Amino acid sequence: MQQNFITLIQLAQRLQNTSDPLDYDNIELPFKLVETGLKIWENLYSPQVLGGLAKADPETLDAWAIALSQTLQTQLSLLNTWLPHFSSLPVPPTLQQKIQQNYQYLGEISKQKSQLLESASTLLSQSEQLKREGEELETLKRRQRELNQIEIELQNTNLDELREDIQRRSQLLEPQYQELETLKQQQAELQQQQTRLDEEIERLRSHSSRQEAATANKATELITLTQTAKERLGESLTTVLEDLSQQQQDYQHTQQQLQKAIADFNRYQEETEAIRRHLNTHYQSDRQLSQVLPVDRQKIDSIISSIQQQLSELDHQLAIAQQQQAESQKKVILDFSK
């Protein structure tokens, strides 16, 4: 059946797009369109399907029959407008006769369908009437059974005793009923209190939410300000670190020079100390010799005195240098690498 739908759509599109529907190649398109529609009828309304509708849904079957009758009547009306002109048209007599026979056959089918629809309508009306009467009968029977049951209960019931029992039970139940009404009233009051508490809680939550939102906004502003200050401080700190790095490099260079100077001074001190010891030894030896040898005593004393002064000056300079070295070793060395 899917193929029939595709063919139907294709034929409709061809008929819509053709520039001359009365052309020899196109004039049969509307009839093929109807023929394809009839094939879809055949697939949709098979005898099995119609039989199932008759059992499961008679009203839908009636609607199908009415639509079929109206379609047949439309076809007959259209044929009635064409048939009078066949005699004046150059249509072969055999073809005219065949069309006339099919027209008559279609009219008979339409007439039969109309009669069936009239009968079906009458039957449907009778069926609905019987259905309504049957429902009314069931209602009356149910009411009759209820009345019979009531009558039996009345025959088996002492009305005076029943009234006394009802009065006695009413007196017993009255306090409980009053208590129930009181509890209902308390429940209603509690419900109202709960509603008010819920509204107050919701109000406090809303207020808390607004406060939290305000706090969050302030925190965001603070973070933004902190970030801005951090960025500005970062720029200044970068400059300071660059200066400190340069100072560190200068200090390390100066420290290297100082270490070299200290090493040179230590080496100079050792050499000077060796020279001093050598001069002192030489001075002691010359002094001893001057005492045992026949020399110019006055000149020798003058030379020895000059040597003593020079040695004293040398000792003084060495002492100053040692003090400066000791002080330089006590200086605190700063480490900027941390």
Protein backbone atom coordinates (compact mmCIF):
# COMPACT_ATOMS: atom_id res chain seq x y z
CA MET A 1 0.00 0.00 0.00
CA GLN A 2 2.98 2.31 0.56
CA GLN A 3 3.74 2.10 -3.14
CA ASN A 4 0.16 3.19 -3.92
CA PHE A 5 0.64 6.28 -1.76
CA ILE A 6 3.88 7.09 -3.58
CA THR A 7 2.18 6.64 -6.96
CA LEU A 8 -0.72 8.84 -5.83
CA ILE A 9 1.67 11.63 -4.82
CA GLN A 10 3.65 11.35 -8.05
CA LEU A 11 0.48 11.53 -10.18
CA ALA A 12 -0.78 14.55 -8.24
CA GLN A 13 2.57 16.30 -8.70
CA ARG A 14 2.59 15.53 -12.44
CA LEU A 15 -0.95 16.85 -12.79
CA GLN A 16 -0.05 19.97 -10.81
CA ASN A 17 3.14 20.68 -12.80
CA THR A 18 1.76 19.98 -16.29
CA SER A 19 1.16 23.04 -18.46
CA ASP A 20 -1.52 21.34 -20.57
CA PRO A 21 -3.62 18.75 -18.67
CA LEU A 22 -5.70 18.17 -21.85
CA ASP A 23 -2.65 16.99 -23.79
CA TYR A 24 -2.75 13.41 -25.11
CA ASP A 25 -0.01 12.31 -22.67
CA ASN A 26 -1.66 14.01 -19.70
CA ILE A 27 -5.41 13.64 -20.17
CA GLU A 28 -5.54 10.28 -18.39
CA LEU A 29 -3.69 11.54 -15.26
CA PRO A 30 -6.88 12.41 -13.28
CA PHE A 31 -8.34 8.97 -14.03
CA LYS A 32 -5.11 7.24 -12.96
CA LEU A 33 -5.24 9.34 -9.82
CA VAL A 34 -8.75 8.04 -9.07
CA GLU A 35 -7.72 4.49 -9.99
CA THR A 36 -4.82 4.64 -7.56
CA GLY A 37 -7.18 5.97 -4.90
CA LEU A 38 -9.47 2.99 -5.49
CA LYS A 39 -6.52 0.64 -4.97
CA ILE A 40 -5.92 2.33 -1.64
CA TRP A 41 -9.62 1.76 -0.85
CA GLU A 42 -9.17 -1.90 -1.68
CA ASN A 43 -6.20 -2.23 0.68
CA LEU A 44 -7.74 -0.23 3.51
CA TYR A 45 -11.29 -1.60 3.40
CA SER A 46 -10.84 -5.31 2.86
CA PRO A 47 -13.79 -7.62 3.68
CA GLN A 48 -11.95 -8.83 6.77
CA VAL A 49 -11.48 -5.25 8.02
CA LEU A 50 -15.13 -4.36 7.39
CA GLY A 51 -16.25 -7.54 9.16
CA GLY A 52 -14.12 -6.59 12.16
CA LEU A 53 -15.62 -3.10 12.25
CA ALA A 54 -19.12 -4.57 12.11
CA LYS A 55 -18.42 -6.47 15.34
CA ALA A 56 -16.14 -4.04 17.19
CA ASP A 57 -17.29 -0.57 16.07
CA PRO A 58 -20.61 -0.47 14.18
CA GLU A 59 -20.73 3.34 14.25
CA THR A 60 -17.42 3.58 12.35
CA LEU A 61 -18.77 1.07 9.81
CA ASP A 62 -21.84 3.28 9.36
CA ALA A 63 -19.61 6.28 8.74
CA TRP A 64 -17.71 4.26 6.10
CA ALA A 65 -20.96 3.30 4.35
CA ILE A 66 -22.18 6.90 4.33
CA ALA A 67 -18.87 8.12 2.84
CA LEU A 68 -19.04 5.38 0.19
CA SER A 69 -22.62 6.30 -0.73
CA GLN A 70 -21.77 9.97 -1.04
CA THR A 71 -18.76 9.15 -3.24
CA LEU A 72 -20.83 6.92 -5.53
CA GLN A 73 -23.49 9.62 -5.75
CA THR A 74 -20.82 12.18 -6.69
CA GLN A 75 -19.56 9.87 -9.44
CA LEU A 76 -23.08 9.36 -10.76
CA SER A 77 -23.76 13.11 -10.78
CA LEU A 78 -20.58 13.69 -12.76
CA LEU A 79 -21.45 10.92 -15.23
CA ASN A 80 -24.93 12.41 -15.68
CA THR A 81 -23.28 15.60 -16.94
CA TRP A 82 -21.15 13.65 -19.43
CA LEU A 83 -23.49 11.01 -20.84
CA PRO A 84 -25.82 13.35 -22.82
CA HIS A 85 -22.83 14.60 -24.80
CA PHE A 86 -21.50 11.18 -25.82
CA SER A 87 -23.89 10.98 -28.79
CA SER A 88 -22.50 14.23 -30.21
CA LEU A 89 -18.88 13.27 -29.56
CA PRO A 90 -16.80 11.11 -31.93
CA VAL A 91 -16.54 8.31 -29.35
CA PRO A 92 -16.73 4.74 -30.75
CA PRO A 93 -20.22 3.18 -30.25
CA THR A 94 -18.81 0.13 -28.51
CA LEU A 95 -17.01 2.33 -26.00
CA GLN A 96 -20.16 4.43 -25.51
CA GLN A 97 -22.13 1.24 -24.83
CA LYS A 98 -19.55 -0.01 -22.35
CA ILE A 99 -19.58 3.32 -20.50
CA GLN A 100 -23.40 3.24 -20.44
CA GLN A 101 -23.39 -0.31 -19.01
CA ASN A 102 -20.87 0.65 -16.33
CA TYR A 103 -22.93 3.72 -15.53
CA GLN A 104 -26.05 1.61 -15.08
CA TYR A 105 -24.12 -0.89 -12.97
CA LEU A 106 -22.75 1.92 -10.82
CA GLY A 107 -26.28 3.32 -10.44
CA GLU A 108 -27.57 -0.06 -9.29
CA ILE A 109 -24.76 -0.31 -6.76
CA SER A 110 -25.47 3.20 -5.49
CA LYS A 111 -29.18 2.39 -5.22
CA GLN A 112 -28.46 -0.81 -3.30
CA LYS A 113 -26.10 1.05 -1.00
CA SER A 114 -28.75 3.71 -0.40
CA GLN A 115 -31.31 1.06 0.49
CA LEU A 116 -28.83 -0.63 2.79
CA LEU A 117 -28.01 2.68 4.43
CA GLU A 118 -31.72 3.40 4.95
CA SER A 119 -32.18 -0.05 6.44
CA ALA A 120 -29.04 0.39 8.53
CA SER A 121 -30.27 3.78 9.70
CA THR A 122 -33.64 2.27 10.70
CA LEU A 123 -31.92 -0.64 12.42
CA LEU A 124 -29.50 1.70 14.15
CA SER A 125 -32.38 3.84 15.39
CA GLN A 126 -34.23 0.77 16.61
CA SER A 127 -31.05 -0.54 18.20
CA GLU A 128 -30.48 2.72 20.04
CA GLN A 129 -34.11 2.76 21.18
CA LEU A 130 -33.83 -0.80 22.45
CA LYS A 131 -30.55 0.03 24.12
CA ARG A 132 -32.10 3.01 25.94
CA GLU A 133 -35.13 0.93 26.96
CA GLY A 134 -32.82 -1.88 28.12
CA GLU A 135 -30.81 0.57 30.25
CA GLU A 136 -34.03 1.99 31.69
CA LEU A 137 -35.23 -1.55 32.43
CA GLU A 138 -31.98 -2.36 34.24
CA THR A 139 -32.31 0.86 36.25
CA LEU A 140 -35.88 -0.02 37.23
CA LYS A 141 -34.86 -3.58 38.15
CA ARG A 142 -31.98 -2.26 40.29
CA ARG A 143 -34.36 0.18 41.96
CA GLN A 144 -36.86 -2.62 42.53
CA ARG A 145 -34.18 -4.77 44.19
CA GLU A 146 -33.22 -1.86 46.41
CA LEU A 147 -36.81 -1.27 47.40
CA ASN A 148 -37.31 -4.99 48.08
CA GLN A 149 -34.24 -4.98 50.28
CA ILE A 150 -35.50 -1.93 52.13
CA GLU A 151 -38.89 -3.58 52.59
CA ILE A 152 -37.29 -6.74 53.99
CA GLU A 153 -35.16 -4.69 56.38
CA LEU A 154 -38.22 -2.74 57.52
CA GLN A 155 -40.14 -5.97 58.18
CA ASN A 156 -37.25 -7.35 60.23
CA THR A 157 -36.54 -4.14 62.13
CA ASN A 158 -38.26 -2.75 65.25
CA LEU A 159 -38.38 0.96 64.51
CA ASP A 160 -38.98 1.95 68.16
CA GLU A 161 -35.93 0.02 69.31
CA LEU A 162 -33.93 1.45 66.42
CA ARG A 163 -34.95 5.01 67.40
CA GLU A 164 -33.98 4.36 71.04
CA ASP A 165 -30.67 2.86 69.98
CA ILE A 166 -29.95 5.83 67.72
CA GLN A 167 -30.86 8.24 70.56
CA ARG A 168 -28.68 6.39 73.03
CA ARG A 169 -25.72 6.24 70.66
CA SER A 170 -26.15 9.91 69.79
CA GLN A 171 -25.90 10.80 73.47
CA LEU A 172 -22.77 8.66 73.78
CA LEU A 173 -21.17 10.06 70.66
CA GLU A 174 -22.01 13.70 71.33
CA PRO A 175 -18.99 14.33 73.67
CA GLN A 176 -16.69 12.58 71.24
CA TYR A 177 -18.15 14.66 68.42
CA GLN A 178 -17.56 17.83 70.39
CA GLU A 179 -14.00 16.72 71.13
CA LEU A 180 -13.53 15.96 67.43
CA GLU A 181 -14.78 19.43 66.50
CA THR A 182 -12.41 20.95 69.07
CA LEU A 183 -9.50 18.97 67.68
CA LYS A 184 -10.42 20.02 64.14
CA GLN A 185 -10.46 23.64 65.25
CA GLN A 186 -7.07 23.23 66.95
CA GLN A 187 -5.77 21.54 63.84
CA ALA A 188 -6.97 24.47 61.73
CA GLU A 189 -5.29 26.92 64.13
CA LEU A 190 -2.08 24.91 64.04
CA GLN A 191 -2.29 24.87 60.26
CA GLN A 192 -2.65 28.64 60.24
CA GLN A 193 0.34 28.95 62.61
CA GLN A 194 2.36 26.64 60.42
CA THR A 195 1.42 28.74 57.38
CA ARG A 196 2.54 31.89 59.17
CA LEU A 197 5.75 30.22 60.29
CA ASP A 198 6.41 29.01 56.75
CA GLU A 199 5.86 32.54 55.45
CA GLU A 200 8.18 33.97 58.12
CA ILE A 201 10.83 31.33 57.35
CA GLU A 202 10.52 32.13 53.65
CA ARG A 203 10.86 35.84 54.42
CA LEU A 204 13.96 35.21 56.57
CA ARG A 205 15.41 32.96 53.87
CA SER A 206 14.80 35.65 51.28
CA HIS A 207 16.40 38.24 53.55
CA SER A 208 19.32 35.89 54.22
CA SER A 209 19.69 35.26 50.51
CA ARG A 210 19.78 38.99 49.85
CA GLN A 211 22.38 39.43 52.59
CA GLU A 212 24.43 36.56 51.19
CA ALA A 213 24.18 38.11 47.74
CA ALA A 214 25.29 41.48 49.10
CA THR A 215 28.14 39.83 51.01
CA ALA A 216 29.15 37.92 47.90
CA ASN A 217 29.10 41.16 45.88
CA LYS A 218 31.25 42.90 48.50
CA ALA A 219 33.61 39.92 48.59
CA THR A 220 33.83 40.04 44.80
CA GLU A 221 34.60 43.76 44.93
CA LEU A 222 37.22 43.12 47.64
CA ILE A 223 38.80 40.35 45.59
CA THR A 224 38.81 42.63 42.56
CA LEU A 225 40.40 45.45 44.57
CA THR A 226 42.88 43.01 46.09
CA GLN A 227 43.74 41.65 42.66
CA THR A 228 44.19 45.21 41.34
CA ALA A 229 46.37 46.16 44.30
CA LYS A 230 48.29 42.93 43.90
CA GLU A 231 48.90 43.72 40.25
CA ARG A 232 50.10 47.24 41.10
CA LEU A 233 52.22 45.87 43.97
CA GLY A 234 53.50 43.17 41.61
CA GLU A 235 54.74 45.82 39.22
CA SER A 236 56.50 47.72 42.06
CA LEU A 237 57.79 44.47 43.55
CA THR A 238 59.17 43.44 40.20
CA THR A 239 61.14 46.68 40.00
CA VAL A 240 62.40 46.26 43.59
CA LEU A 241 63.40 42.65 42.92
CA GLU A 242 65.22 43.69 39.79
CA ASP A 243 67.09 46.34 41.81
CA LEU A 244 67.84 43.81 44.56
CA SER A 245 69.01 41.32 41.95
CA GLN A 246 71.37 43.93 40.51
CA GLN A 247 72.56 44.84 44.00
CA GLN A 248 73.07 41.15 44.75
CA GLN A 249 75.18 40.78 41.61
CA ASP A 250 77.16 43.89 42.58
CA TYR A 251 77.59 42.58 46.13
CA GLN A 252 78.71 39.16 44.91
CA HIS A 253 81.21 40.86 42.60
CA THR A 254 82.44 43.03 45.48
CA GLN A 255 82.58 39.99 47.75
CA GLN A 256 84.67 38.12 45.20
CA GLN A 257 87.01 41.10 44.98
CA LEU A 258 87.15 41.25 48.81
CA GLN A 259 87.94 37.54 49.05
CA LYS A 260 90.70 38.00 46.49
CA ALA A 261 92.00 41.03 48.39
CA ILE A 262 91.91 39.04 51.67
CA ALA A 263 93.75 36.18 50.03
CA ASP A 264 96.32 38.63 48.59
CA PHE A 265 96.65 40.34 51.98
CA ASN A 266 97.12 36.99 53.77
CA ARG A 267 99.76 36.04 51.27
CA TYR A 268 101.38 39.51 51.66
CA GLN A 269 101.21 39.19 55.46
CA GLU A 270 102.90 35.81 55.34
CA GLU A 271 105.62 37.16 53.09
CA THR A 272 105.99 40.28 55.27
CA GLU A 273 106.16 38.16 58.42
CA ALA A 274 108.83 36.02 56.79
CA ILE A 275 110.78 39.14 55.82
CA ARG A 276 110.38 40.55 59.33
CA ARG A 277 111.66 37.34 60.87
CA HIS A 278 114.51 37.33 58.41
CA LEU A 279 115.37 40.99 59.18
CA ASN A 280 115.08 40.38 62.92
CA THR A 281 117.41 37.41 62.64
CA HIS A 282 119.75 39.43 60.50
CA TYR A 283 119.49 42.34 62.97
CA GLN A 284 120.35 40.12 65.94
CA SER A 285 123.25 38.58 64.06
CA ASP A 286 124.58 42.02 63.01
CA ARG A 287 124.19 43.32 66.53
CA GLN A 288 126.16 40.45 67.97
CA LEU A 289 128.86 40.89 65.38
CA SER A 290 129.05 44.61 66.04
CA GLN A 291 129.84 43.91 69.65
CA VAL A 292 132.79 41.59 68.99
CA LEU A 293 134.23 43.20 65.83
CA PRO A 294 136.22 46.44 65.71
CA VAL A 295 133.68 48.68 63.91
CA ASP A 296 132.48 52.28 64.10
CA ARG A 297 130.32 52.04 67.10
CA GLN A 298 128.46 55.26 66.61
CA LYS A 299 127.61 54.51 63.01
CA ILE A 300 126.55 51.00 63.86
CA ASP A 301 124.25 52.23 66.62
CA SER A 302 122.68 54.71 64.23
CA ILE A 303 122.01 51.99 61.66
CA ILE A 304 120.64 49.66 64.33
CA SER A 305 118.35 52.42 65.65
CA SER A 306 117.07 53.07 62.12
CA ILE A 307 116.44 49.37 61.63
CA GLN A 308 114.56 49.21 64.94
CA GLN A 309 112.34 52.10 63.93
CA GLN A 310 111.58 50.52 60.59
CA LEU A 311 110.81 47.19 62.26
CA SER A 312 108.55 48.94 64.76
CA GLU A 313 106.75 50.74 61.89
CA LEU A 314 106.41 47.41 60.08
CA ASP A 315 104.95 45.78 63.23
CA HIS A 316 102.52 48.71 63.57
CA GLN A 317 101.32 48.41 59.96
CA LEU A 318 100.94 44.63 60.33
CA ALA A 319 98.86 45.09 63.49
CA ILE A 320 96.54 47.56 61.72
CA ALA A 321 96.14 45.19 58.79
CA GLN A 322 95.35 42.28 61.15
CA GLN A 323 92.69 44.38 62.95
CA GLN A 324 91.03 45.39 59.67
CA GLN A 325 91.01 41.76 58.53
CA ALA A 326 89.41 40.63 61.80
CA GLU A 327 86.69 43.29 61.51
CA SER A 328 85.96 42.31 57.90
CA GLN A 329 85.45 38.70 59.00
CA LYS A 330 82.82 39.80 61.53
CA LYS A 331 80.60 41.54 58.91
CA VAL A 332 77.20 39.93 58.18
CA ILE A 333 76.93 38.51 54.68
CA LEU A 334 73.42 39.06 53.20
CA ASP A 335 71.88 36.33 50.99
CA PHE A 336 69.28 37.61 48.50
CA SER A 337 68.75 34.26 46.82
CA LYS A 338 66.04 33.16 49.31
